[in-house]
PDB file of N, CA and C in Angstrom:
ATOM      1  N   MET A   1     103.979  92.954  98.122  1.00  0.00           N
ATOM      2  CA  MET A   1     103.511  93.634  99.317  1.00  0.00           C
ATOM      3  C   MET A   1     104.219  93.034 100.527  1.00  0.00           C
ATOM      4  N   GLU A   2     104.659  93.892 101.405  1.00  0.00           N
ATOM      5  CA  GLU A   2     105.285  93.446 102.650  1.00  0.00           C
ATOM      6  C   GLU A   2     104.290  93.598 103.792  1.00  0.00           C
ATOM      7  N   LYS A   3     104.432  92.719 104.780  1.00  0.00           N
ATOM      8  CA  LYS A   3     103.545  92.750 105.940  1.00  0.00           C
ATOM      9  C   LYS A   3     104.339  92.415 107.194  1.00  0.00           C
ATOM     10  N   THR A   4     103.917  93.017 108.287  1.00  0.00           N
ATOM     11  CA  THR A   4     104.436  92.638 109.597  1.00  0.00           C
ATOM     12  C   THR A   4     103.246  92.387 110.509  1.00  0.00           C
ATOM     13  N   LEU A   5     103.465  91.557 111.491  1.00  0.00           N
ATOM     14  CA  LEU A   5     102.445  91.282 112.494  1.00  0.00           C
ATOM     15  C   LEU A   5     103.112  91.379 113.852  1.00  0.00           C
ATOM     16  N   ASN A   6     102.579  92.245 114.707  1.00  0.00           N
ATOM     17  CA  ASN A   6     103.141  92.437 116.040  1.00  0.00           C
ATOM     18  C   ASN A   6     102.058  92.310 117.094  1.00  0.00           C
ATOM     19  N   ARG A   7     102.459  91.793 118.231  1.00  0.00           N
ATOM     20  CA  ARG A   7     101.580  91.725 119.390  1.00  0.00           C
ATOM     21  C   ARG A   7     101.793  93.006 120.184  1.00  0.00           C
ATOM     22  N   ILE A   8     100.707  93.647 120.571  1.00  0.00           N
ATOM     23  CA  ILE A   8     100.821  94.862 121.379  1.00  0.00           C
ATOM     24  C   ILE A   8      99.941  94.725 122.619  1.00  0.00           C
ATOM     25  N   HIS A   9     100.387  95.367 123.673  1.00  0.00           N
ATOM     26  CA  HIS A   9      99.642  95.443 124.932  1.00  0.00           C
ATOM     27  C   HIS A   9      99.434  96.928 125.202  1.00  0.00           C
ATOM     28  N   PRO A  10      98.254  97.456 124.928  1.00  0.00           N
ATOM     29  CA  PRO A  10      98.035  98.894 125.084  1.00  0.00           C
ATOM     30  C   PRO A  10      98.112  99.350 126.535  1.00  0.00           C
ATOM     31  N   VAL A  11      98.661 100.544 126.739  1.00  0.00           N
ATOM     32  CA  VAL A  11      98.731 101.084 128.100  1.00  0.00           C
ATOM     33  C   VAL A  11      97.336 101.362 128.644  1.00  0.00           C
ATOM     34  N   SER A  12      96.361 101.538 127.757  1.00  0.00           N
ATOM     35  CA  SER A  12      94.991 101.782 128.197  1.00  0.00           C
ATOM     36  C   SER A  12      94.343 100.525 128.789  1.00  0.00           C
ATOM     37  N   ASP A  13      94.904  99.339 128.486  1.00  0.00           N
ATOM     38  CA  ASP A  13      94.402  98.071 129.018  1.00  0.00           C
ATOM     39  C   ASP A  13      95.546  97.053 128.972  1.00  0.00           C
ATOM     40  N   PRO A  14      96.501  97.144 129.905  1.00  0.00           N
ATOM     41  CA  PRO A  14      97.717  96.331 129.837  1.00  0.00           C
ATOM     42  C   PRO A  14      97.493  94.823 129.872  1.00  0.00           C
ATOM     43  N   GLU A  15      96.339  94.374 130.366  1.00  0.00           N
ATOM     44  CA  GLU A  15      96.049  92.947 130.413  1.00  0.00           C
ATOM     45  C   GLU A  15      95.590  92.414 129.056  1.00  0.00           C
ATOM     46  N   ALA A  16      95.178  93.310 128.175  1.00  0.00           N
ATOM     47  CA  ALA A  16      94.670  92.910 126.859  1.00  0.00           C
ATOM     48  C   ALA A  16      95.823  92.681 125.882  1.00  0.00           C
ATOM     49  N   THR A  17      95.583  91.799 124.933  1.00  0.00           N
ATOM     50  CA  THR A  17      96.543  91.542 123.875  1.00  0.00           C
ATOM     51  C   THR A  17      95.869  91.819 122.537  1.00  0.00           C
ATOM     52  N   TYR A  18      96.518  92.611 121.720  1.00  0.00           N
ATOM     53  CA  TYR A  18      96.051  92.911 120.379  1.00  0.00           C
ATOM     54  C   TYR A  18      97.130  92.504 119.394  1.00  0.00           C
ATOM     55  N   PHE A  19      96.710  92.262 118.177  1.00  0.00           N
ATOM     56  CA  PHE A  19      97.640  91.972 117.100  1.00  0.00           C
ATOM     57  C   PHE A  19      97.475  93.051 116.043  1.00  0.00           C
ATOM     58  N   LEU A  20      98.594  93.630 115.643  1.00  0.00           N
ATOM     59  CA  LEU A  20      98.602  94.710 114.663  1.00  0.00           C
ATOM     60  C   LEU A  20      99.355  94.247 113.429  1.00  0.00           C
ATOM     61  N   GLN A  21      98.643  94.206 112.311  1.00  0.00           N
ATOM     62  CA  GLN A  21      99.281  93.890 111.039  1.00  0.00           C
ATOM     63  C   GLN A  21      99.376  95.165 110.217  1.00  0.00           C
ATOM     64  N   VAL A  22     100.556  95.435 109.706  1.00  0.00           N
ATOM     65  CA  VAL A  22     100.802  96.584 108.846  1.00  0.00           C
ATOM     66  C   VAL A  22     101.247  96.044 107.497  1.00  0.00           C
ATOM     67  N   SER A  23     100.653  96.547 106.414  1.00  0.00           N
ATOM     68  CA  SER A  23     101.040  96.113 105.075  1.00  0.00           C
ATOM     69  C   SER A  23     101.305  97.336 104.205  1.00  0.00           C
ATOM     70  N   TRP A  24     102.335  97.235 103.376  1.00  0.00           N
ATOM     71  CA  TRP A  24     102.729  98.350 102.520  1.00  0.00           C
ATOM     72  C   TRP A  24     103.360  97.817 101.243  1.00  0.00           C
ATOM     73  N   GLU A  25     103.389  98.684 100.217  1.00  0.00           N
ATOM     74  CA  GLU A  25     103.951  98.310  98.918  1.00  0.00           C
ATOM     75  C   GLU A  25     105.440  98.641  98.835  1.00  0.00           C
ATOM     76  N   LYS A  26     105.783  99.931  98.749  1.00  0.00           N
ATOM     77  CA  LYS A  26     107.178 100.338  98.580  1.00  0.00           C
ATOM     78  C   LYS A  26     107.831 100.651  99.920  1.00  0.00           C
ATOM     79  N   ASP A  27     107.266 101.581 100.629  1.00  0.00           N
ATOM     80  CA  ASP A  27     107.698 101.927 101.984  1.00  0.00           C
ATOM     81  C   ASP A  27     106.520 102.592 102.679  1.00  0.00           C
ATOM     82  N   LEU A  28     106.639 102.781 103.967  1.00  0.00           N
ATOM     83  CA  LEU A  28     105.519 103.359 104.714  1.00  0.00           C
ATOM     84  C   LEU A  28     105.144 104.747 104.220  1.00  0.00           C
ATOM     85  N   GLY A  29     106.105 105.475 103.664  1.00  0.00           N
ATOM     86  CA  GLY A  29     105.852 106.832 103.195  1.00  0.00           C
ATOM     87  C   GLY A  29     104.879 106.915 102.044  1.00  0.00           C
ATOM     88  N   THR A  30     104.648 105.811 101.349  1.00  0.00           N
ATOM     89  CA  THR A  30     103.697 105.810 100.231  1.00  0.00           C
ATOM     90  C   THR A  30     102.311 105.361 100.681  1.00  0.00           C
ATOM     91  N   GLY A  31     102.151 105.143 101.967  1.00  0.00           N
ATOM     92  CA  GLY A  31     100.872 104.728 102.520  1.00  0.00           C
ATOM     93  C   GLY A  31     100.920 103.275 102.959  1.00  0.00           C
ATOM     94  N   PHE A  32      99.982 102.892 103.801  1.00  0.00           N
ATOM     95  CA  PHE A  32      99.965 101.532 104.325  1.00  0.00           C
ATOM     96  C   PHE A  32      98.575 101.175 104.826  1.00  0.00           C
ATOM     97  N   GLY A  33      98.360  99.886 104.991  1.00  0.00           N
ATOM     98  CA  GLY A  33      97.113  99.383 105.539  1.00  0.00           C
ATOM     99  C   GLY A  33      97.335  98.862 106.945  1.00  0.00           C
ATOM    100  N   LEU A  34      96.305  98.921 107.754  1.00  0.00           N
ATOM    101  CA  LEU A  34      96.366  98.443 109.136  1.00  0.00           C
ATOM    102  C   LEU A  34      95.231  97.466 109.395  1.00  0.00           C
ATOM    103  N   LEU A  35      95.531  96.441 110.152  1.00  0.00           N
ATOM    104  CA  LEU A  35      94.512  95.528 110.651  1.00  0.00           C
ATOM    105  C   LEU A  35      94.830  95.318 112.126  1.00  0.00           C
ATOM    106  N   LEU A  36      93.880  95.621 112.978  1.00  0.00           N
ATOM    107  CA  LEU A  36      94.037  95.467 114.423  1.00  0.00           C
ATOM    108  C   LEU A  36      93.003  94.458 114.889  1.00  0.00           C
ATOM    109  N   SER A  37      93.435  93.482 115.683  1.00  0.00           N
ATOM    110  CA  SER A  37      92.509  92.459 116.163  1.00  0.00           C
ATOM    111  C   SER A  37      92.795  92.122 117.618  1.00  0.00           C
ATOM    112  N   ASP A  38      91.707  91.842 118.349  1.00  0.00           N
ATOM    113  CA  ASP A  38      91.830  91.336 119.711  1.00  0.00           C
ATOM    114  C   ASP A  38      91.458  89.854 119.754  1.00  0.00           C
ATOM    115  N   CYS A  39      91.429  89.212 118.610  1.00  0.00           N
ATOM    116  CA  CYS A  39      91.073  87.799 118.404  1.00  0.00           C
ATOM    117  C   CYS A  39      89.572  87.543 118.522  1.00  0.00           C
ATOM    118  N   GLN A  40      88.797  88.592 118.783  1.00  0.00           N
ATOM    119  CA  GLN A  40      87.338  88.479 118.738  1.00  0.00           C
ATOM    120  C   GLN A  40      86.781  89.426 117.681  1.00  0.00           C
ATOM    121  N   TRP A  41      87.383  90.570 117.600  1.00  0.00           N
ATOM    122  CA  TRP A  41      86.977  91.606 116.658  1.00  0.00           C
ATOM    123  C   TRP A  41      88.201  92.022 115.854  1.00  0.00           C
ATOM    124  N   ALA A  42      87.954  92.591 114.685  1.00  0.00           N
ATOM    125  CA  ALA A  42      89.046  93.115 113.865  1.00  0.00           C
ATOM    126  C   ALA A  42      88.616  94.447 113.263  1.00  0.00           C
ATOM    127  N   TRP A  43      89.572  95.350 113.172  1.00  0.00           N
ATOM    128  CA  TRP A  43      89.338  96.667 112.597  1.00  0.00           C
ATOM    129  C   TRP A  43      90.399  96.905 111.537  1.00  0.00           C
ATOM    130  N   THR A  44      90.001  97.505 110.425  1.00  0.00           N
ATOM    131  CA  THR A  44      90.946  97.780 109.345  1.00  0.00           C
ATOM    132  C   THR A  44      90.912  99.258 108.983  1.00  0.00           C
ATOM    133  N   GLY A  45      91.983  99.696 108.383  1.00  0.00           N
ATOM    134  CA  GLY A  45      92.055 101.073 107.919  1.00  0.00           C
ATOM    135  C   GLY A  45      93.224 101.248 106.980  1.00  0.00           C
ATOM    136  N   THR A  46      93.241 102.365 106.302  1.00  0.00           N
ATOM    137  CA  THR A  46      94.350 102.693 105.419  1.00  0.00           C
ATOM    138  C   THR A  46      94.832 104.100 105.725  1.00  0.00           C
ATOM    139  N   VAL A  47      96.106 104.299 105.521  1.00  0.00           N
ATOM    140  CA  VAL A  47      96.735 105.599 105.691  1.00  0.00           C
ATOM    141  C   VAL A  47      97.382 105.933 104.353  1.00  0.00           C
ATOM    142  N   SER A  48      96.955 107.021 103.743  1.00  0.00           N
ATOM    143  CA  SER A  48      97.466 107.388 102.424  1.00  0.00           C
ATOM    144  C   SER A  48      98.747 108.214 102.541  1.00  0.00           C
ATOM    145  N   GLU A  49      99.415 108.373 101.422  1.00  0.00           N
ATOM    146  CA  GLU A  49     100.604 109.217 101.381  1.00  0.00           C
ATOM    147  C   GLU A  49     100.254 110.653 101.773  1.00  0.00           C
ATOM    148  N   ALA A  50      99.091 111.119 101.339  1.00  0.00           N
ATOM    149  CA  ALA A  50      98.630 112.465 101.700  1.00  0.00           C
ATOM    150  C   ALA A  50      98.379 112.573 103.204  1.00  0.00           C
ATOM    151  N   ASP A  51      97.815 111.525 103.809  1.00  0.00           N
ATOM    152  CA  ASP A  51      97.588 111.511 105.260  1.00  0.00           C
ATOM    153  C   ASP A  51      98.908 111.661 106.001  1.00  0.00           C
ATOM    154  N   ILE A  52      99.914 110.942 105.548  1.00  0.00           N
ATOM    155  CA  ILE A  52     101.238 110.988 106.192  1.00  0.00           C
ATOM    156  C   ILE A  52     101.824 112.388 106.096  1.00  0.00           C
ATOM    157  N   SER A  53     101.751 112.977 104.920  1.00  0.00           N
ATOM    158  CA  SER A  53     102.283 114.336 104.731  1.00  0.00           C
ATOM    159  C   SER A  53     101.548 115.337 105.614  1.00  0.00           C
ATOM    160  N   ARG A  54     100.220 115.198 105.695  1.00  0.00           N
ATOM    161  CA  ARG A  54      99.418 116.116 106.505  1.00  0.00           C
ATOM    162  C   ARG A  54      99.746 115.974 107.987  1.00  0.00           C
ATOM    163  N   GLU A  55      99.855 114.737 108.467  1.00  0.00           N
ATOM    164  CA  GLU A  55     100.191 114.513 109.877  1.00  0.00           C
ATOM    165  C   GLU A  55     101.565 115.075 110.220  1.00  0.00           C
ATOM    166  N   ALA A  56     102.542 114.847 109.354  1.00  0.00           N
ATOM    167  CA  ALA A  56     103.888 115.378 109.595  1.00  0.00           C
ATOM    168  C   ALA A  56     103.857 116.901 109.658  1.00  0.00           C
ATOM    169  N   ALA A  57     103.121 117.519 108.747  1.00  0.00           N
ATOM    170  CA  ALA A  57     103.014 118.982 108.743  1.00  0.00           C
ATOM    171  C   ALA A  57     102.290 119.479 109.988  1.00  0.00           C
ATOM    172  N   ASP A  58     101.238 118.763 110.398  1.00  0.00           N
ATOM    173  CA  ASP A  58     100.468 119.180 111.584  1.00  0.00           C
ATOM    174  C   ASP A  58     101.325 119.220 112.846  1.00  0.00           C
ATOM    175  N   ILE A  59     102.257 118.282 112.966  1.00  0.00           N
ATOM    176  CA  ILE A  59     103.104 118.278 114.158  1.00  0.00           C
ATOM    177  C   ILE A  59     104.466 118.928 113.905  1.00  0.00           C
ATOM    178  N   GLU A  60     104.562 119.566 112.738  1.00  0.00           N
ATOM    179  CA  GLU A  60     105.768 120.311 112.360  1.00  0.00           C
ATOM    180  C   GLU A  60     107.019 119.446 112.437  1.00  0.00           C
ATOM    181  N   MET A  61     106.932 118.253 111.867  1.00  0.00           N
ATOM    182  CA  MET A  61     108.057 117.335 111.828  1.00  0.00           C
ATOM    183  C   MET A  61     108.427 117.097 110.370  1.00  0.00           C
ATOM    184  N   ASP A  62     109.710 116.985 110.104  1.00  0.00           N
ATOM    185  CA  ASP A  62     110.177 116.636 108.772  1.00  0.00           C
ATOM    186  C   ASP A  62     109.497 115.334 108.346  1.00  0.00           C
ATOM    187  N   ARG A  63     109.000 115.286 107.120  1.00  0.00           N
ATOM    188  CA  ARG A  63     108.239 114.117 106.651  1.00  0.00           C
ATOM    189  C   ARG A  63     109.047 112.823 106.737  1.00  0.00           C
ATOM    190  N   GLU A  64     110.310 112.862 106.343  1.00  0.00           N
ATOM    191  CA  GLU A  64     111.144 111.659 106.391  1.00  0.00           C
ATOM    192  C   GLU A  64     111.330 111.178 107.826  1.00  0.00           C
ATOM    193  N   LYS A  65     111.508 112.118 108.739  1.00  0.00           N
ATOM    194  CA  LYS A  65     111.644 111.770 110.156  1.00  0.00           C
ATOM    195  C   LYS A  65     110.344 111.158 110.672  1.00  0.00           C
ATOM    196  N   TYR A  66     109.212 111.715 110.249  1.00  0.00           N
ATOM    197  CA  TYR A  66     107.910 111.189 110.656  1.00  0.00           C
ATOM    198  C   TYR A  66     107.723 109.754 110.163  1.00  0.00           C
ATOM    199  N   VAL A  67     108.095 109.497 108.913  1.00  0.00           N
ATOM    200  CA  VAL A  67     107.983 108.143 108.354  1.00  0.00           C
ATOM    201  C   VAL A  67     108.888 107.185 109.124  1.00  0.00           C
ATOM    202  N   GLU A  68     110.079 107.629 109.492  1.00  0.00           N
ATOM    203  CA  GLU A  68     110.987 106.786 110.269  1.00  0.00           C
ATOM    204  C   GLU A  68     110.391 106.470 111.644  1.00  0.00           C
ATOM    205  N   GLU A  69     109.765 107.438 112.284  1.00  0.00           N
ATOM    206  CA  GLU A  69     109.112 107.197 113.576  1.00  0.00           C
ATOM    207  C   GLU A  69     107.935 106.237 113.423  1.00  0.00           C
ATOM    208  N   LEU A  70     107.178 106.358 112.333  1.00  0.00           N
ATOM    209  CA  LEU A  70     106.104 105.402 112.066  1.00  0.00           C
ATOM    210  C   LEU A  70     106.668 103.993 111.939  1.00  0.00           C
ATOM    211  N   ARG A  71     107.754 103.863 111.195  1.00  0.00           N
ATOM    212  CA  ARG A  71     108.383 102.551 111.004  1.00  0.00           C
ATOM    213  C   ARG A  71     108.786 101.953 112.346  1.00  0.00           C
ATOM    214  N   LYS A  72     109.408 102.759 113.185  1.00  0.00           N
ATOM    215  CA  LYS A  72     109.834 102.264 114.498  1.00  0.00           C
ATOM    216  C   LYS A  72     108.639 101.858 115.362  1.00  0.00           C
ATOM    217  N   ALA A  73     107.591 102.661 115.349  1.00  0.00           N
ATOM    218  CA  ALA A  73     106.430 102.387 116.199  1.00  0.00           C
ATOM    219  C   ALA A  73     105.595 101.213 115.703  1.00  0.00           C
ATOM    220  N   LEU A  74     105.474 101.064 114.383  1.00  0.00           N
ATOM    221  CA  LEU A  74     104.553 100.076 113.836  1.00  0.00           C
ATOM    222  C   LEU A  74     105.204  98.790 113.354  1.00  0.00           C
ATOM    223  N   ILE A  75     106.482  98.842 113.012  1.00  0.00           N
ATOM    224  CA  ILE A  75     107.108  97.683 112.379  1.00  0.00           C
ATOM    225  C   ILE A  75     108.296  97.143 113.156  1.00  0.00           C
ATOM    226  N   ALA A  76     109.227  97.989 113.536  1.00  0.00           N
ATOM    227  CA  ALA A  76     110.512  97.558 114.099  1.00  0.00           C
ATOM    228  C   ALA A  76     110.402  97.300 115.589  1.00  0.00           C
ATOM    229  N   GLN A  77     109.784  96.212 115.972  1.00  0.00           N
ATOM    230  CA  GLN A  77     109.534  95.933 117.381  1.00  0.00           C
ATOM    231  C   GLN A  77     110.800  95.765 118.209  1.00  0.00           C
ATOM    232  N   GLU A  78     111.817  95.057 117.710  1.00  0.00           N
ATOM    233  CA  GLU A  78     112.999  94.818 118.534  1.00  0.00           C
ATOM    234  C   GLU A  78     113.732  96.110 118.893  1.00  0.00           C
ATOM    235  N   GLU A  79     113.916  96.983 117.909  1.00  0.00           N
ATOM    236  CA  GLU A  79     114.679  98.202 118.179  1.00  0.00           C
ATOM    237  C   GLU A  79     113.885  99.246 118.944  1.00  0.00           C
ATOM    238  N   SER A  80     112.560  99.084 119.018  1.00  0.00           N
ATOM    239  CA  SER A  80     111.753 100.091 119.707  1.00  0.00           C
ATOM    240  C   SER A  80     110.973  99.527 120.880  1.00  0.00           C
ATOM    241  N   ALA A  81     111.301  98.339 121.317  1.00  0.00           N
ATOM    242  CA  ALA A  81     110.583  97.714 122.428  1.00  0.00           C
ATOM    243  C   ALA A  81     110.585  98.630 123.646  1.00  0.00           C
ATOM    244  N   GLY A  82     109.407  98.876 124.182  1.00  0.00           N
ATOM    245  CA  GLY A  82     109.271  99.709 125.365  1.00  0.00           C
ATOM    246  C   GLY A  82     109.328 101.204 125.099  1.00  0.00           C
ATOM    247  N   ARG A  83     109.552 101.594 123.863  1.00  0.00           N
ATOM    248  CA  ARG A  83     109.698 103.019 123.547  1.00  0.00           C
ATOM    249  C   ARG A  83     108.382 103.666 123.168  1.00  0.00           C
ATOM    250  N   TYR A  84     107.460 102.898 122.629  1.00  0.00           N
ATOM    251  CA  TYR A  84     106.182 103.435 122.153  1.00  0.00           C
ATOM    252  C   TYR A  84     105.053 102.842 122.968  1.00  0.00           C
ATOM    253  N   ASN A  85     104.053 103.669 123.264  1.00  0.00           N
ATOM    254  CA  ASN A  85     102.866 103.218 123.980  1.00  0.00           C
ATOM    255  C   ASN A  85     101.673 103.294 123.043  1.00  0.00           C
ATOM    256  N   PHE A  86     100.793 102.320 123.146  1.00  0.00           N
ATOM    257  CA  PHE A  86      99.588 102.296 122.344  1.00  0.00           C
ATOM    258  C   PHE A  86      98.389 102.436 123.262  1.00  0.00           C
ATOM    259  N   VAL A  87      97.436 103.245 122.810  1.00  0.00           N
ATOM    260  CA  VAL A  87      96.174 103.429 123.514  1.00  0.00           C
ATOM    261  C   VAL A  87      95.075 103.021 122.556  1.00  0.00           C
ATOM    262  N   ILE A  88      94.209 102.125 122.973  1.00  0.00           N
ATOM    263  CA  ILE A  88      93.107 101.658 122.151  1.00  0.00           C
ATOM    264  C   ILE A  88      91.837 102.334 122.653  1.00  0.00           C
ATOM    265  N   SER A  89      91.134 103.014 121.756  1.00  0.00           N
ATOM    266  CA  SER A  89      89.876 103.653 122.154  1.00  0.00           C
ATOM    267  C   SER A  89      88.834 103.473 121.067  1.00  0.00           C
TER     268      SER A  89
END
């Protein structure tokens, strides 16, 4: 299993710091787990392969392109720094 851990500052609360851990087996396209923490609370969730396919179809985006955008937003911090905004609600 591979994992990444990134620090994020959501645009909804720029003074706050959250940590986002993403874990996956083969690649993000087969599904992944999420753990979000503000160092006081933690929230977890999973995204299935079916969820990914449904989301890509809902926004009418090629599935492979959608998975690549997920990778950039959730994992590849250096190449996407400043490109993605996170809102915590």
